[in-house]
């Protein structure tokens, strides 16, 4: 059983301006370190190989992470050097994004298209 709940994203994600940098090796090690009940075959090399398979398939990021992951990482971006508002919380990010849109209506907005493009361009 791999433990993803309560991840410490700052252990493997850094920001330079508005560019998110993900250290995949640290990410995999972070998951392993917090997963005492992982299956015996599930070691660093196995997870790295599985990651490469997903990466090579160009897996859709919307199915790899959830909204809370996204809002926490967005909050981290606001805490980086490019932002003046260092007091933003994950709850504030979620509140600002929680507008009266259905998923379908939101997917037709410019903000959705811009965020999708930004995420795609940084391989997040």
N, C-alpha and C. Protein backbone atom coordinates (compact mmCIF):
# COMPACT_ATOMS: atom_id res chain seq x y z
N UNK A 1 0.84 -1.18 0.00
CA UNK A 1 0.00 0.00 0.00
C UNK A 1 0.89 1.25 0.00
N UNK A 2 0.81 2.04 -1.03
CA UNK A 2 1.59 3.28 -1.09
C UNK A 2 0.76 4.41 -0.50
N UNK A 3 1.42 5.24 0.30
CA UNK A 3 0.74 6.33 1.00
C UNK A 3 0.97 7.65 0.27
N UNK A 4 -0.10 8.21 -0.26
CA UNK A 4 -0.03 9.49 -0.94
C UNK A 4 -0.70 10.60 -0.14
N UNK A 5 -1.56 10.25 0.78
CA UNK A 5 -2.27 11.25 1.57
C UNK A 5 -1.29 12.01 2.47
N UNK A 6 -1.44 13.34 2.49
CA UNK A 6 -0.60 14.16 3.35
C UNK A 6 0.83 14.31 2.86
N UNK A 7 1.02 14.27 1.55
CA UNK A 7 2.36 14.39 0.97
C UNK A 7 3.00 15.72 1.37
N UNK A 8 4.30 15.72 1.53
CA UNK A 8 5.08 16.93 1.80
C UNK A 8 5.71 17.37 0.48
N UNK A 9 4.94 18.12 -0.29
CA UNK A 9 5.34 18.47 -1.65
C UNK A 9 6.65 19.26 -1.70
N UNK A 10 6.93 20.03 -0.67
CA UNK A 10 8.16 20.82 -0.70
C UNK A 10 9.41 19.94 -0.58
N UNK A 11 9.25 18.64 -0.33
CA UNK A 11 10.39 17.72 -0.35
C UNK A 11 10.86 17.40 -1.76
N UNK A 12 10.01 17.66 -2.76
CA UNK A 12 10.39 17.30 -4.13
C UNK A 12 9.94 18.31 -5.19
N UNK A 13 9.25 19.39 -4.79
CA UNK A 13 8.85 20.42 -5.75
C UNK A 13 9.46 21.75 -5.32
N UNK A 14 10.09 22.41 -6.27
CA UNK A 14 10.62 23.75 -6.05
C UNK A 14 10.10 24.66 -7.17
N UNK A 15 10.14 25.95 -6.91
CA UNK A 15 9.70 26.93 -7.90
C UNK A 15 10.82 27.89 -8.21
N UNK A 16 10.99 28.18 -9.49
CA UNK A 16 11.84 29.25 -9.96
C UNK A 16 10.91 30.12 -10.79
N UNK A 17 10.69 31.35 -10.32
CA UNK A 17 9.64 32.19 -10.88
C UNK A 17 8.34 31.41 -10.79
N UNK A 18 7.66 31.22 -11.91
CA UNK A 18 6.40 30.46 -11.86
C UNK A 18 6.56 29.07 -12.45
N UNK A 19 7.80 28.62 -12.57
CA UNK A 19 8.06 27.28 -13.10
C UNK A 19 8.22 26.30 -11.96
N UNK A 20 7.40 25.26 -11.99
CA UNK A 20 7.49 24.20 -10.98
C UNK A 20 8.51 23.17 -11.45
N UNK A 21 9.42 22.81 -10.56
CA UNK A 21 10.42 21.79 -10.85
C UNK A 21 10.18 20.62 -9.91
N UNK A 22 9.98 19.45 -10.49
CA UNK A 22 9.70 18.26 -9.70
C UNK A 22 10.89 17.32 -9.80
N UNK A 23 11.47 17.00 -8.66
CA UNK A 23 12.56 16.03 -8.60
C UNK A 23 11.94 14.64 -8.46
N UNK A 24 11.86 13.93 -9.55
CA UNK A 24 11.17 12.63 -9.59
C UNK A 24 11.82 11.64 -8.63
N UNK A 25 13.14 11.62 -8.55
CA UNK A 25 13.81 10.69 -7.64
C UNK A 25 13.43 10.97 -6.19
N UNK A 26 13.41 12.24 -5.80
CA UNK A 26 13.00 12.60 -4.43
C UNK A 26 11.53 12.28 -4.20
N UNK A 27 10.71 12.47 -5.24
CA UNK A 27 9.28 12.15 -5.15
C UNK A 27 9.09 10.66 -4.87
N UNK A 28 9.75 9.83 -5.65
CA UNK A 28 9.63 8.38 -5.46
C UNK A 28 10.13 7.98 -4.08
N UNK A 29 11.28 8.52 -3.67
CA UNK A 29 11.82 8.17 -2.35
C UNK A 29 10.89 8.64 -1.24
N UNK A 30 10.28 9.80 -1.41
CA UNK A 30 9.33 10.33 -0.43
C UNK A 30 8.15 9.36 -0.26
N UNK A 31 7.63 8.87 -1.36
CA UNK A 31 6.52 7.91 -1.31
C UNK A 31 6.96 6.64 -0.59
N UNK A 32 8.12 6.13 -0.93
CA UNK A 32 8.61 4.89 -0.30
C UNK A 32 8.84 5.08 1.19
N UNK A 33 9.42 6.21 1.57
CA UNK A 33 9.72 6.48 2.99
C UNK A 33 8.46 6.53 3.84
N UNK A 34 7.35 6.93 3.26
CA UNK A 34 6.13 7.08 4.05
C UNK A 34 5.16 5.93 3.85
N UNK A 35 5.62 4.84 3.23
CA UNK A 35 4.76 3.69 2.92
C UNK A 35 5.30 2.41 3.55
N UNK A 36 5.11 2.24 4.86
CA UNK A 36 5.68 1.06 5.53
C UNK A 36 5.05 -0.26 5.08
N UNK A 37 3.84 -0.21 4.53
CA UNK A 37 3.15 -1.44 4.12
C UNK A 37 3.18 -1.64 2.60
N UNK A 38 4.23 -1.13 1.96
CA UNK A 38 4.32 -1.29 0.51
C UNK A 38 4.57 -2.76 0.14
N UNK A 39 4.10 -3.19 -1.02
CA UNK A 39 4.34 -4.56 -1.46
C UNK A 39 5.84 -4.82 -1.63
N UNK A 40 6.29 -6.04 -1.44
CA UNK A 40 7.73 -6.36 -1.53
C UNK A 40 8.37 -5.98 -2.87
N UNK A 41 7.64 -6.12 -3.96
CA UNK A 41 8.20 -5.81 -5.29
C UNK A 41 8.27 -4.31 -5.55
N UNK A 42 7.68 -3.52 -4.70
CA UNK A 42 7.53 -2.08 -4.94
C UNK A 42 8.72 -1.32 -4.35
N UNK A 43 9.82 -1.30 -5.10
CA UNK A 43 11.00 -0.57 -4.65
C UNK A 43 11.23 0.63 -5.56
N UNK A 44 12.33 1.33 -5.34
CA UNK A 44 12.62 2.55 -6.10
C UNK A 44 12.65 2.27 -7.60
N UNK A 45 13.38 1.23 -7.99
CA UNK A 45 13.52 0.93 -9.43
C UNK A 45 12.18 0.59 -10.08
N UNK A 46 11.35 -0.15 -9.36
CA UNK A 46 10.03 -0.50 -9.89
C UNK A 46 9.19 0.76 -10.11
N UNK A 47 9.15 1.65 -9.11
CA UNK A 47 8.35 2.87 -9.24
C UNK A 47 8.91 3.79 -10.32
N UNK A 48 10.22 3.87 -10.42
CA UNK A 48 10.82 4.71 -11.46
C UNK A 48 10.44 4.19 -12.85
N UNK A 49 10.46 2.88 -13.00
CA UNK A 49 10.07 2.27 -14.29
C UNK A 49 8.59 2.54 -14.59
N UNK A 50 7.73 2.42 -13.59
CA UNK A 50 6.30 2.70 -13.77
C UNK A 50 6.07 4.16 -14.13
N UNK A 51 6.82 5.06 -13.47
CA UNK A 51 6.73 6.48 -13.79
C UNK A 51 7.10 6.71 -15.26
N UNK A 52 8.20 6.10 -15.70
CA UNK A 52 8.65 6.28 -17.08
C UNK A 52 7.60 5.79 -18.07
N UNK A 53 6.94 4.68 -17.73
CA UNK A 53 5.88 4.17 -18.61
C UNK A 53 4.75 5.19 -18.75
N UNK A 54 4.31 5.76 -17.61
CA UNK A 54 3.26 6.79 -17.65
C UNK A 54 3.72 8.02 -18.42
N UNK A 55 4.96 8.43 -18.16
CA UNK A 55 5.51 9.61 -18.82
C UNK A 55 5.58 9.39 -20.34
N UNK A 56 6.06 8.22 -20.74
CA UNK A 56 6.18 7.92 -22.17
C UNK A 56 4.81 7.83 -22.85
N UNK A 57 3.79 7.41 -22.11
CA UNK A 57 2.43 7.35 -22.65
C UNK A 57 1.78 8.73 -22.68
N UNK A 58 2.47 9.72 -22.09
CA UNK A 58 1.93 11.07 -21.94
C UNK A 58 0.59 11.00 -21.21
N UNK A 59 0.61 10.33 -20.06
CA UNK A 59 -0.59 10.16 -19.24
C UNK A 59 -1.21 11.52 -18.93
N UNK A 60 -2.50 11.58 -18.96
CA UNK A 60 -3.23 12.82 -18.70
C UNK A 60 -3.09 13.17 -17.22
N UNK A 61 -2.49 14.31 -16.93
CA UNK A 61 -2.24 14.72 -15.55
C UNK A 61 -3.51 14.79 -14.72
N UNK A 62 -4.66 15.00 -15.36
CA UNK A 62 -5.91 15.10 -14.60
C UNK A 62 -6.27 13.79 -13.92
N UNK A 63 -5.69 12.69 -14.40
CA UNK A 63 -5.96 11.39 -13.81
C UNK A 63 -4.83 10.91 -12.90
N UNK A 64 -3.78 11.69 -12.79
CA UNK A 64 -2.63 11.31 -11.98
C UNK A 64 -2.65 12.01 -10.62
N UNK A 65 -3.28 13.17 -10.53
CA UNK A 65 -3.35 13.88 -9.25
C UNK A 65 -4.79 14.31 -9.00
N UNK A 66 -5.06 14.80 -7.79
CA UNK A 66 -6.41 15.27 -7.50
C UNK A 66 -6.41 16.78 -7.30
N UNK A 67 -7.59 17.34 -7.12
CA UNK A 67 -7.72 18.79 -6.98
C UNK A 67 -6.99 19.36 -5.78
N UNK A 68 -6.95 18.60 -4.69
CA UNK A 68 -6.25 19.10 -3.50
C UNK A 68 -4.75 19.16 -3.73
N UNK A 69 -4.21 18.20 -4.49
CA UNK A 69 -2.79 18.28 -4.87
C UNK A 69 -2.55 19.57 -5.64
N UNK A 70 -3.40 19.82 -6.61
CA UNK A 70 -3.26 21.00 -7.46
C UNK A 70 -3.34 22.29 -6.66
N UNK A 71 -4.32 22.38 -5.76
CA UNK A 71 -4.46 23.62 -5.00
C UNK A 71 -3.31 23.82 -4.02
N UNK A 72 -2.77 22.74 -3.46
CA UNK A 72 -1.62 22.88 -2.55
C UNK A 72 -0.40 23.37 -3.33
N UNK A 73 -0.17 22.79 -4.50
CA UNK A 73 0.98 23.20 -5.31
C UNK A 73 0.79 24.64 -5.80
N UNK A 74 -0.44 25.03 -6.12
CA UNK A 74 -0.72 26.42 -6.48
C UNK A 74 -0.38 27.34 -5.32
N UNK A 75 -0.76 26.94 -4.10
CA UNK A 75 -0.41 27.72 -2.91
C UNK A 75 1.11 27.85 -2.79
N UNK A 76 1.84 26.76 -3.05
CA UNK A 76 3.31 26.80 -2.99
C UNK A 76 3.85 27.83 -3.98
N UNK A 77 3.24 27.91 -5.16
CA UNK A 77 3.69 28.88 -6.15
C UNK A 77 3.53 30.30 -5.62
N UNK A 78 2.44 30.56 -4.90
CA UNK A 78 2.24 31.89 -4.33
C UNK A 78 3.23 32.19 -3.21
N UNK A 79 3.79 31.17 -2.60
CA UNK A 79 4.79 31.38 -1.55
C UNK A 79 6.18 31.57 -2.13
N UNK A 80 6.34 31.40 -3.43
CA UNK A 80 7.65 31.55 -4.06
C UNK A 80 7.96 33.02 -4.29
N UNK A 81 9.12 33.27 -4.85
CA UNK A 81 9.63 34.63 -5.02
C UNK A 81 8.77 35.50 -5.93
N UNK A 82 8.05 34.91 -6.88
CA UNK A 82 7.34 35.73 -7.86
C UNK A 82 6.11 36.42 -7.28
N UNK A 83 5.62 35.97 -6.12
CA UNK A 83 4.36 36.48 -5.58
C UNK A 83 4.59 37.48 -4.45
N UNK A 84 3.71 38.46 -4.39
CA UNK A 84 3.75 39.40 -3.27
C UNK A 84 2.86 38.93 -2.13
N UNK A 85 1.87 38.08 -2.43
CA UNK A 85 0.92 37.60 -1.42
C UNK A 85 1.40 36.27 -0.85
N UNK A 86 2.24 36.34 0.17
CA UNK A 86 2.80 35.13 0.78
C UNK A 86 1.84 34.52 1.80
N UNK A 87 0.74 35.20 2.11
CA UNK A 87 -0.18 34.72 3.13
C UNK A 87 -1.30 33.84 2.57
N UNK A 88 -1.23 33.52 1.30
CA UNK A 88 -2.30 32.71 0.72
C UNK A 88 -2.21 31.28 1.25
N UNK A 89 -3.36 30.72 1.53
CA UNK A 89 -3.43 29.35 2.06
C UNK A 89 -4.08 28.45 1.01
N UNK A 90 -3.97 27.16 1.24
CA UNK A 90 -4.64 26.22 0.35
C UNK A 90 -6.14 26.46 0.37
N UNK A 91 -6.67 26.75 1.53
CA UNK A 91 -8.11 27.00 1.65
C UNK A 91 -8.52 28.21 0.81
N UNK A 92 -7.69 29.27 0.80
CA UNK A 92 -7.99 30.45 -0.02
C UNK A 92 -7.98 30.10 -1.50
N UNK A 93 -6.98 29.33 -1.91
CA UNK A 93 -6.91 28.91 -3.32
C UNK A 93 -8.18 28.15 -3.68
N UNK A 94 -8.55 27.19 -2.84
CA UNK A 94 -9.75 26.38 -3.11
C UNK A 94 -11.00 27.25 -3.14
N UNK A 95 -11.08 28.19 -2.22
CA UNK A 95 -12.24 29.08 -2.16
C UNK A 95 -12.36 29.91 -3.44
N UNK A 96 -11.23 30.44 -3.90
CA UNK A 96 -11.25 31.26 -5.11
C UNK A 96 -11.58 30.44 -6.35
N UNK A 97 -11.22 29.18 -6.35
CA UNK A 97 -11.51 28.33 -7.50
C UNK A 97 -12.92 27.74 -7.47
N UNK A 98 -13.52 27.75 -6.29
CA UNK A 98 -14.85 27.14 -6.13
C UNK A 98 -15.93 28.12 -6.56
N UNK A 99 -16.08 28.26 -7.82
CA UNK A 99 -17.07 29.17 -8.38
C UNK A 99 -18.22 28.32 -8.91
N UNK A 100 -19.34 28.91 -9.12
CA UNK A 100 -20.54 28.16 -9.52
C UNK A 100 -20.46 27.68 -10.97
N UNK A 101 -19.46 26.87 -11.26
CA UNK A 101 -19.30 26.28 -12.58
C UNK A 101 -19.47 24.78 -12.47
N UNK A 102 -20.13 24.21 -13.45
CA UNK A 102 -20.08 22.76 -13.58
C UNK A 102 -18.71 22.43 -14.18
N UNK A 103 -18.29 21.21 -14.08
CA UNK A 103 -16.99 20.81 -14.65
C UNK A 103 -16.95 21.11 -16.14
N UNK A 104 -18.04 20.82 -16.82
CA UNK A 104 -18.10 21.06 -18.27
C UNK A 104 -18.00 22.54 -18.59
N UNK A 105 -18.72 23.37 -17.84
CA UNK A 105 -18.67 24.82 -18.07
C UNK A 105 -17.28 25.36 -17.76
N UNK A 106 -16.66 24.88 -16.68
CA UNK A 106 -15.32 25.34 -16.32
C UNK A 106 -14.31 24.98 -17.41
N UNK A 107 -14.45 23.81 -18.01
CA UNK A 107 -13.51 23.37 -19.05
C UNK A 107 -13.60 24.23 -20.30
N UNK A 108 -14.63 25.03 -20.42
CA UNK A 108 -14.77 25.94 -21.57
C UNK A 108 -14.22 27.33 -21.27
N UNK A 109 -13.70 27.56 -20.07
CA UNK A 109 -13.23 28.90 -19.70
C UNK A 109 -11.78 29.11 -20.09
N UNK A 110 -11.40 30.38 -20.20
CA UNK A 110 -10.00 30.72 -20.49
C UNK A 110 -9.08 30.28 -19.36
N UNK A 111 -9.52 30.43 -18.10
CA UNK A 111 -8.64 30.05 -16.99
C UNK A 111 -8.32 28.56 -17.03
N UNK A 112 -9.31 27.74 -17.37
CA UNK A 112 -9.06 26.30 -17.48
C UNK A 112 -8.04 26.03 -18.59
N UNK A 113 -8.25 26.66 -19.74
CA UNK A 113 -7.33 26.46 -20.87
C UNK A 113 -5.93 26.96 -20.55
N UNK A 114 -5.83 28.11 -19.88
CA UNK A 114 -4.52 28.64 -19.51
C UNK A 114 -3.82 27.74 -18.49
N UNK A 115 -4.56 27.31 -17.46
CA UNK A 115 -3.97 26.41 -16.46
C UNK A 115 -3.55 25.08 -17.08
N UNK A 116 -4.39 24.54 -17.95
CA UNK A 116 -4.05 23.28 -18.62
C UNK A 116 -2.80 23.45 -19.46
N UNK A 117 -2.72 24.56 -20.19
CA UNK A 117 -1.53 24.83 -21.01
C UNK A 117 -0.28 24.98 -20.17
N UNK A 118 -0.40 25.69 -19.05
CA UNK A 118 0.74 25.89 -18.15
C UNK A 118 1.22 24.56 -17.58
N UNK A 119 0.29 23.75 -17.14
CA UNK A 119 0.63 22.45 -16.57
C UNK A 119 1.26 21.56 -17.64
N UNK A 120 0.68 21.54 -18.82
CA UNK A 120 1.24 20.73 -19.90
C UNK A 120 2.64 21.19 -20.28
N UNK A 121 2.85 22.50 -20.34
CA UNK A 121 4.16 23.01 -20.77
C UNK A 121 5.26 22.73 -19.76
N UNK A 122 4.89 22.48 -18.50
CA UNK A 122 5.89 22.18 -17.47
C UNK A 122 5.90 20.70 -17.11
N UNK A 123 5.21 19.90 -17.89
CA UNK A 123 5.16 18.45 -17.66
C UNK A 123 4.75 18.10 -16.24
N UNK A 124 3.79 18.83 -15.72
CA UNK A 124 3.30 18.56 -14.36
C UNK A 124 2.14 17.61 -14.44
